[in-house]
Amino acid sequence: SILPANPTASIVQGDMLAVVVLALLVGISVTQ
């Protein structure tokens, strides 16, 4: 449940943990 299956819904609902996890995944992916 930590993984944001629907990032848009997580952003709308203000789920900060989901936003952090999404940012971590995107940031790590950018380095690759």
PDB file of all heavy atoms in Angstrom:
ATOM      1  N   SER A   1       0.811  -1.219   0.000  1.00  0.00           N
ATOM      2  CA  SER A   1       0.000   0.000   0.000  1.00  0.00           C
ATOM      3  C   SER A   1       0.842   1.265   0.000  1.00  0.00           C
ATOM      4  O   SER A   1       0.341   2.346  -0.307  1.00  0.00           O
ATOM      5  CB  SER A   1      -0.927   0.007   1.225  1.00  0.00           C
ATOM      6  OG  SER A   1      -0.169   0.090   2.426  1.00  0.00           O
ATOM      7  N   ILE A   2       2.136   1.150   0.343  1.00  0.00           N
ATOM      8  CA  ILE A   2       3.005   2.320   0.327  1.00  0.00           C
ATOM      9  C   ILE A   2       3.217   2.821  -1.097  1.00  0.00           C
ATOM     10  O   ILE A   2       3.339   4.027  -1.336  1.00  0.00           O
ATOM     11  CB  ILE A   2       4.359   1.986   0.994  1.00  0.00           C
ATOM     12  CG1 ILE A   2       4.163   1.746   2.498  1.00  0.00           C
ATOM     13  CG2 ILE A   2       5.372   3.100   0.773  1.00  0.00           C
ATOM     14  CD1 ILE A   2       5.428   1.322   3.214  1.00  0.00           C
ATOM     15  N   LEU A   3       3.240   1.888  -2.061  1.00  0.00           N
ATOM     16  CA  LEU A   3       3.460   2.285  -3.450  1.00  0.00           C
ATOM     17  C   LEU A   3       2.227   2.999  -3.985  1.00  0.00           C
ATOM     18  O   LEU A   3       1.098   2.498  -3.856  1.00  0.00           O
ATOM     19  CB  LEU A   3       3.758   1.049  -4.309  1.00  0.00           C
ATOM     20  CG  LEU A   3       5.050   0.301  -3.962  1.00  0.00           C
ATOM     21  CD1 LEU A   3       5.158  -0.958  -4.806  1.00  0.00           C
ATOM     22  CD2 LEU A   3       6.260   1.187  -4.172  1.00  0.00           C
ATOM     23  N   PRO A   4       2.395   4.174  -4.592  1.00  0.00           N
ATOM     24  CA  PRO A   4       1.250   4.939  -5.106  1.00  0.00           C
ATOM     25  C   PRO A   4       0.741   4.369  -6.422  1.00  0.00           C
ATOM     26  O   PRO A   4       1.204   4.747  -7.498  1.00  0.00           O
ATOM     27  CB  PRO A   4       1.817   6.351  -5.273  1.00  0.00           C
ATOM     28  CG  PRO A   4       3.283   6.124  -5.526  1.00  0.00           C
ATOM     29  CD  PRO A   4       3.668   4.894  -4.763  1.00  0.00           C
ATOM     30  N   ALA A   5      -0.226   3.438  -6.345  1.00  0.00           N
ATOM     31  CA  ALA A   5      -0.764   2.834  -7.565  1.00  0.00           C
ATOM     32  C   ALA A   5      -1.429   3.878  -8.456  1.00  0.00           C
ATOM     33  O   ALA A   5      -1.429   3.761  -9.679  1.00  0.00           O
ATOM     34  CB  ALA A   5      -1.763   1.727  -7.206  1.00  0.00           C
ATOM     35  N   ASN A   6      -2.006   4.905  -7.845  1.00  0.00           N
ATOM     36  CA  ASN A   6      -2.639   5.995  -8.591  1.00  0.00           C
ATOM     37  C   ASN A   6      -2.042   7.312  -8.108  1.00  0.00           C
ATOM     38  O   ASN A   6      -2.571   7.934  -7.179  1.00  0.00           O
ATOM     39  CB  ASN A   6      -4.155   5.975  -8.383  1.00  0.00           C
ATOM     40  CG  ASN A   6      -4.878   6.949  -9.295  1.00  0.00           C
ATOM     41  OD1 ASN A   6      -4.275   7.857  -9.857  1.00  0.00           O
ATOM     42  ND2 ASN A   6      -6.190   6.767  -9.456  1.00  0.00           N
ATOM     43  N   PRO A   7      -0.923   7.745  -8.692  1.00  0.00           N
ATOM     44  CA  PRO A   7      -0.260   8.966  -8.208  1.00  0.00           C
ATOM     45  C   PRO A   7      -1.162  10.193  -8.227  1.00  0.00           C
ATOM     46  O   PRO A   7      -1.094  11.032  -7.324  1.00  0.00           O
ATOM     47  CB  PRO A   7       0.916   9.130  -9.179  1.00  0.00           C
ATOM     48  CG  PRO A   7       1.154   7.766  -9.735  1.00  0.00           C
ATOM     49  CD  PRO A   7      -0.189   7.116  -9.795  1.00  0.00           C
ATOM     50  N   THR A   8      -2.019  10.304  -9.250  1.00  0.00           N
ATOM     51  CA  THR A   8      -2.909  11.468  -9.324  1.00  0.00           C
ATOM     52  C   THR A   8      -3.840  11.514  -8.123  1.00  0.00           C
ATOM     53  O   THR A   8      -4.032  12.572  -7.507  1.00  0.00           O
ATOM     54  CB  THR A   8      -3.725  11.425 -10.626  1.00  0.00           C
ATOM     55  OG1 THR A   8      -2.841  11.355 -11.742  1.00  0.00           O
ATOM     56  CG2 THR A   8      -4.587  12.675 -10.745  1.00  0.00           C
ATOM     57  N   ALA A   9      -4.421  10.362  -7.772  1.00  0.00           N
ATOM     58  CA  ALA A   9      -5.311  10.318  -6.608  1.00  0.00           C
ATOM     59  C   ALA A   9      -4.552  10.629  -5.325  1.00  0.00           C
ATOM     60  O   ALA A   9      -5.066  11.317  -4.434  1.00  0.00           O
ATOM     61  CB  ALA A   9      -5.976   8.945  -6.514  1.00  0.00           C
ATOM     62  N   SER A  10      -3.318  10.147  -5.217  1.00  0.00           N
ATOM     63  CA  SER A  10      -2.519  10.419  -4.025  1.00  0.00           C
ATOM     64  C   SER A  10      -2.241  11.908  -3.874  1.00  0.00           C
ATOM     65  O   SER A  10      -2.294  12.461  -2.769  1.00  0.00           O
ATOM     66  CB  SER A  10      -1.196   9.649  -4.096  1.00  0.00           C
ATOM     67  OG  SER A  10      -1.419   8.263  -4.162  1.00  0.00           O
ATOM     68  N   ILE A  11      -1.968  12.568  -5.005  1.00  0.00           N
ATOM     69  CA  ILE A  11      -1.707  14.014  -4.963  1.00  0.00           C
ATOM     70  C   ILE A  11      -2.969  14.767  -4.575  1.00  0.00           C
ATOM     71  O   ILE A  11      -2.937  15.680  -3.747  1.00  0.00           O
ATOM     72  CB  ILE A  11      -1.177  14.488  -6.329  1.00  0.00           C
ATOM     73  CG1 ILE A  11       0.220  13.910  -6.579  1.00  0.00           C
ATOM     74  CG2 ILE A  11      -1.131  16.010  -6.388  1.00  0.00           C
ATOM     75  CD1 ILE A  11       0.765  14.196  -7.959  1.00  0.00           C
ATOM     76  N   VAL A  12      -4.107  14.377  -5.151  1.00  0.00           N
ATOM     77  CA  VAL A  12      -5.373  15.053  -4.840  1.00  0.00           C
ATOM     78  C   VAL A  12      -5.742  14.871  -3.374  1.00  0.00           C
ATOM     79  O   VAL A  12      -6.218  15.795  -2.709  1.00  0.00           O
ATOM     80  CB  VAL A  12      -6.493  14.520  -5.761  1.00  0.00           C
ATOM     81  CG1 VAL A  12      -7.850  15.050  -5.308  1.00  0.00           C
ATOM     82  CG2 VAL A  12      -6.227  14.911  -7.207  1.00  0.00           C
ATOM     83  N   GLN A  13      -5.500  13.674  -2.840  1.00  0.00           N
ATOM     84  CA  GLN A  13      -5.847  13.384  -1.451  1.00  0.00           C
ATOM     85  C   GLN A  13      -4.814  13.904  -0.459  1.00  0.00           C
ATOM     86  O   GLN A  13      -5.030  13.821   0.752  1.00  0.00           O
ATOM     87  CB  GLN A  13      -6.009  11.873  -1.275  1.00  0.00           C
ATOM     88  CG  GLN A  13      -7.158  11.281  -2.085  1.00  0.00           C
ATOM     89  CD  GLN A  13      -7.146   9.767  -2.096  1.00  0.00           C
ATOM     90  OE1 GLN A  13      -6.309   9.144  -1.433  1.00  0.00           O
ATOM     91  NE2 GLN A  13      -8.058   9.167  -2.834  1.00  0.00           N
ATOM     92  N   GLY A  14      -3.694  14.411  -0.965  1.00  0.00           N
ATOM     93  CA  GLY A  14      -2.660  14.931  -0.072  1.00  0.00           C
ATOM     94  C   GLY A  14      -1.915  13.856   0.689  1.00  0.00           C
ATOM     95  O   GLY A  14      -1.460  14.077   1.812  1.00  0.00           O
ATOM     96  N   ASP A  15      -1.781  12.666   0.092  1.00  0.00           N
ATOM     97  CA  ASP A  15      -1.064  11.561   0.726  1.00  0.00           C
ATOM     98  C   ASP A  15       0.434  11.809   0.577  1.00  0.00           C
ATOM     99  O   ASP A  15       1.054  11.455  -0.429  1.00  0.00           O
ATOM    100  CB  ASP A  15      -1.470  10.240   0.064  1.00  0.00           C
ATOM    101  CG  ASP A  15      -0.889   9.028   0.789  1.00  0.00           C
ATOM    102  OD1 ASP A  15      -0.033   9.221   1.677  1.00  0.00           O
ATOM    103  OD2 ASP A  15      -1.293   7.895   0.464  1.00  0.00           O
ATOM    104  N   MET A  16       1.029  12.411   1.619  1.00  0.00           N
ATOM    105  CA  MET A  16       2.423  12.820   1.531  1.00  0.00           C
ATOM    106  C   MET A  16       3.379  11.641   1.411  1.00  0.00           C
ATOM    107  O   MET A  16       4.395  11.715   0.720  1.00  0.00           O
ATOM    108  CB  MET A  16       2.808  13.670   2.755  1.00  0.00           C
ATOM    109  CG  MET A  16       2.119  15.011   2.788  1.00  0.00           C
ATOM    110  SD  MET A  16       2.469  15.975   1.293  1.00  0.00           S
ATOM    111  CE  MET A  16       1.316  17.323   1.500  1.00  0.00           C
ATOM    112  N   LEU A  17       3.080  10.540   2.092  1.00  0.00           N
ATOM    113  CA  LEU A  17       3.955   9.383   2.004  1.00  0.00           C
ATOM    114  C   LEU A  17       4.001   8.854   0.573  1.00  0.00           C
ATOM    115  O   LEU A  17       5.071   8.500   0.062  1.00  0.00           O
ATOM    116  CB  LEU A  17       3.486   8.285   2.961  1.00  0.00           C
ATOM    117  CG  LEU A  17       4.341   7.013   2.999  1.00  0.00           C
ATOM    118  CD1 LEU A  17       5.780   7.349   3.375  1.00  0.00           C
ATOM    119  CD2 LEU A  17       3.752   5.999   3.966  1.00  0.00           C
ATOM    120  N   ALA A  18       2.842   8.807  -0.093  1.00  0.00           N
ATOM    121  CA  ALA A  18       2.803   8.349  -1.483  1.00  0.00           C
ATOM    122  C   ALA A  18       3.579   9.297  -2.390  1.00  0.00           C
ATOM    123  O   ALA A  18       4.281   8.858  -3.314  1.00  0.00           O
ATOM    124  CB  ALA A  18       1.354   8.231  -1.955  1.00  0.00           C
ATOM    125  N   VAL A  19       3.465  10.602  -2.132  1.00  0.00           N
ATOM    126  CA  VAL A  19       4.209  11.583  -2.924  1.00  0.00           C
ATOM    127  C   VAL A  19       5.709  11.405  -2.732  1.00  0.00           C
ATOM    128  O   VAL A  19       6.493  11.477  -3.696  1.00  0.00           O
ATOM    129  CB  VAL A  19       3.778  13.015  -2.546  1.00  0.00           C
ATOM    130  CG1 VAL A  19       4.669  14.046  -3.231  1.00  0.00           C
ATOM    131  CG2 VAL A  19       2.320  13.249  -2.913  1.00  0.00           C
ATOM    132  N   VAL A  20       6.133  11.154  -1.495  1.00  0.00           N
ATOM    133  CA  VAL A  20       7.551  10.947  -1.218  1.00  0.00           C
ATOM    134  C   VAL A  20       8.062   9.698  -1.931  1.00  0.00           C
ATOM    135  O   VAL A  20       9.139   9.705  -2.541  1.00  0.00           O
ATOM    136  CB  VAL A  20       7.789  10.844   0.298  1.00  0.00           C
ATOM    137  CG1 VAL A  20       9.189  10.312   0.596  1.00  0.00           C
ATOM    138  CG2 VAL A  20       7.612  12.201   0.962  1.00  0.00           C
ATOM    139  N   VAL A  21       7.289   8.610  -1.859  1.00  0.00           N
ATOM    140  CA  VAL A  21       7.700   7.374  -2.524  1.00  0.00           C
ATOM    141  C   VAL A  21       7.795   7.588  -4.032  1.00  0.00           C
ATOM    142  O   VAL A  21       8.759   7.152  -4.686  1.00  0.00           O
ATOM    143  CB  VAL A  21       6.722   6.232  -2.189  1.00  0.00           C
ATOM    144  CG1 VAL A  21       7.027   4.998  -3.033  1.00  0.00           C
ATOM    145  CG2 VAL A  21       6.789   5.886  -0.715  1.00  0.00           C
ATOM    146  N   LEU A  22       6.808   8.279  -4.610  1.00  0.00           N
ATOM    147  CA  LEU A  22       6.839   8.569  -6.044  1.00  0.00           C
ATOM    148  C   LEU A  22       8.057   9.398  -6.407  1.00  0.00           C
ATOM    149  O   LEU A  22       8.749   9.129  -7.409  1.00  0.00           O
ATOM    150  CB  LEU A  22       5.560   9.295  -6.454  1.00  0.00           C
ATOM    151  CG  LEU A  22       5.459   9.734  -7.921  1.00  0.00           C
ATOM    152  CD1 LEU A  22       5.483   8.520  -8.844  1.00  0.00           C
ATOM    153  CD2 LEU A  22       4.198  10.566  -8.144  1.00  0.00           C
ATOM    154  N   ALA A  23       8.351  10.419  -5.592  1.00  0.00           N
ATOM    155  CA  ALA A  23       9.517  11.264  -5.865  1.00  0.00           C
ATOM    156  C   ALA A  23      10.814  10.469  -5.757  1.00  0.00           C
ATOM    157  O   ALA A  23      11.741  10.672  -6.551  1.00  0.00           O
ATOM    158  CB  ALA A  23       9.534  12.441  -4.888  1.00  0.00           C
ATOM    159  N   LEU A  24      10.893   9.555  -4.790  1.00  0.00           N
ATOM    160  CA  LEU A  24      12.088   8.725  -4.664  1.00  0.00           C
ATOM    161  C   LEU A  24      12.283   7.847  -5.903  1.00  0.00           C
ATOM    162  O   LEU A  24      13.400   7.738  -6.436  1.00  0.00           O
ATOM    163  CB  LEU A  24      11.975   7.843  -3.415  1.00  0.00           C
ATOM    164  CG  LEU A  24      12.140   8.544  -2.057  1.00  0.00           C
ATOM    165  CD1 LEU A  24      11.805   7.586  -0.926  1.00  0.00           C
ATOM    166  CD2 LEU A  24      13.560   9.079  -1.899  1.00  0.00           C
ATOM    167  N   LEU A  25      11.202   7.232  -6.362  1.00  0.00           N
ATOM    168  CA  LEU A  25      11.300   6.365  -7.536  1.00  0.00           C
ATOM    169  C   LEU A  25      11.691   7.171  -8.780  1.00  0.00           C
ATOM    170  O   LEU A  25      12.553   6.744  -9.566  1.00  0.00           O
ATOM    171  CB  LEU A  25       9.971   5.642  -7.764  1.00  0.00           C
ATOM    172  CG  LEU A  25       9.568   4.632  -6.678  1.00  0.00           C
ATOM    173  CD1 LEU A  25       8.186   4.072  -6.968  1.00  0.00           C
ATOM    174  CD2 LEU A  25      10.584   3.515  -6.582  1.00  0.00           C
ATOM    175  N   VAL A  26      11.060   8.335  -8.963  1.00  0.00           N
ATOM    176  CA  VAL A  26      11.374   9.169 -10.124  1.00  0.00           C
ATOM    177  C   VAL A  26      12.811   9.684 -10.037  1.00  0.00           C
ATOM    178  O   VAL A  26      13.552   9.678 -11.031  1.00  0.00           O
ATOM    179  CB  VAL A  26      10.379  10.340 -10.234  1.00  0.00           C
ATOM    180  CG1 VAL A  26      10.810  11.317 -11.327  1.00  0.00           C
ATOM    181  CG2 VAL A  26       8.979   9.816 -10.531  1.00  0.00           C
ATOM    182  N   GLY A  27      13.228  10.128  -8.844  1.00  0.00           N
ATOM    183  CA  GLY A  27      14.579  10.653  -8.682  1.00  0.00           C
ATOM    184  C   GLY A  27      15.650   9.612  -8.945  1.00  0.00           C
ATOM    185  O   GLY A  27      16.657   9.888  -9.607  1.00  0.00           O
ATOM    186  N   ILE A  28      15.441   8.402  -8.427  1.00  0.00           N
ATOM    187  CA  ILE A  28      16.400   7.331  -8.676  1.00  0.00           C
ATOM    188  C   ILE A  28      16.417   6.972 -10.157  1.00  0.00           C
ATOM    189  O   ILE A  28      17.478   6.722 -10.755  1.00  0.00           O
ATOM    190  CB  ILE A  28      16.063   6.100  -7.815  1.00  0.00           C
ATOM    191  CG1 ILE A  28      16.254   6.433  -6.336  1.00  0.00           C
ATOM    192  CG2 ILE A  28      16.939   4.912  -8.196  1.00  0.00           C
ATOM    193  CD1 ILE A  28      15.786   5.346  -5.394  1.00  0.00           C
ATOM    194  N   SER A  29      15.235   6.966 -10.791  1.00  0.00           N
ATOM    195  CA  SER A  29      15.166   6.654 -12.217  1.00  0.00           C
ATOM    196  C   SER A  29      15.893   7.699 -13.056  1.00  0.00           C
ATOM    197  O   SER A  29      16.546   7.368 -14.051  1.00  0.00           O
ATOM    198  CB  SER A  29      13.704   6.546 -12.657  1.00  0.00           C
ATOM    199  OG  SER A  29      13.601   6.270 -14.035  1.00  0.00           O
ATOM    200  N   VAL A  30      15.802   8.961 -12.637  1.00  0.00           N
ATOM    201  CA  VAL A  30      16.477  10.035 -13.378  1.00  0.00           C
ATOM    202  C   VAL A  30      17.984   9.825 -13.400  1.00  0.00           C
ATOM    203  O   VAL A  30      18.655  10.101 -14.406  1.00  0.00           O
ATOM    204  CB  VAL A  30      16.120  11.405 -12.762  1.00  0.00           C
ATOM    205  CG1 VAL A  30      17.046  12.493 -13.277  1.00  0.00           C
ATOM    206  CG2 VAL A  30      14.680  11.767 -13.081  1.00  0.00           C
ATOM    207  N   THR A  31      18.526   9.304 -12.293  1.00  0.00           N
ATOM    208  CA  THR A  31      19.977   9.082 -12.245  1.00  0.00           C
ATOM    209  C   THR A  31      20.420   7.983 -13.197  1.00  0.00           C
ATOM    210  O   THR A  31      21.615   7.881 -13.504  1.00  0.00           O
ATOM    211  CB  THR A  31      20.406   8.712 -10.815  1.00  0.00           C
ATOM    212  OG1 THR A  31      19.760   7.480 -10.422  1.00  0.00           O
ATOM    213  CG2 THR A  31      20.032   9.814  -9.835  1.00  0.00           C
ATOM    214  N   GLN A  32      19.485   7.159 -13.658  1.00  0.00           N
ATOM    215  CA  GLN A  32      19.819   6.069 -14.576  1.00  0.00           C
ATOM    216  C   GLN A  32      19.601   6.449 -16.040  1.00  0.00           C
ATOM    217  O   GLN A  32      19.822   5.622 -16.931  1.00  0.00           O
ATOM    218  CB  GLN A  32      18.956   4.832 -14.245  1.00  0.00           C
ATOM    219  CG  GLN A  32      18.996   4.405 -12.793  1.00  0.00           C
ATOM    220  CD  GLN A  32      20.383   4.023 -12.327  1.00  0.00           C
ATOM    221  OE1 GLN A  32      21.119   3.340 -13.035  1.00  0.00           O
ATOM    222  NE2 GLN A  32      20.756   4.480 -11.137  1.00  0.00           N
TER     223      GLN A  32
END
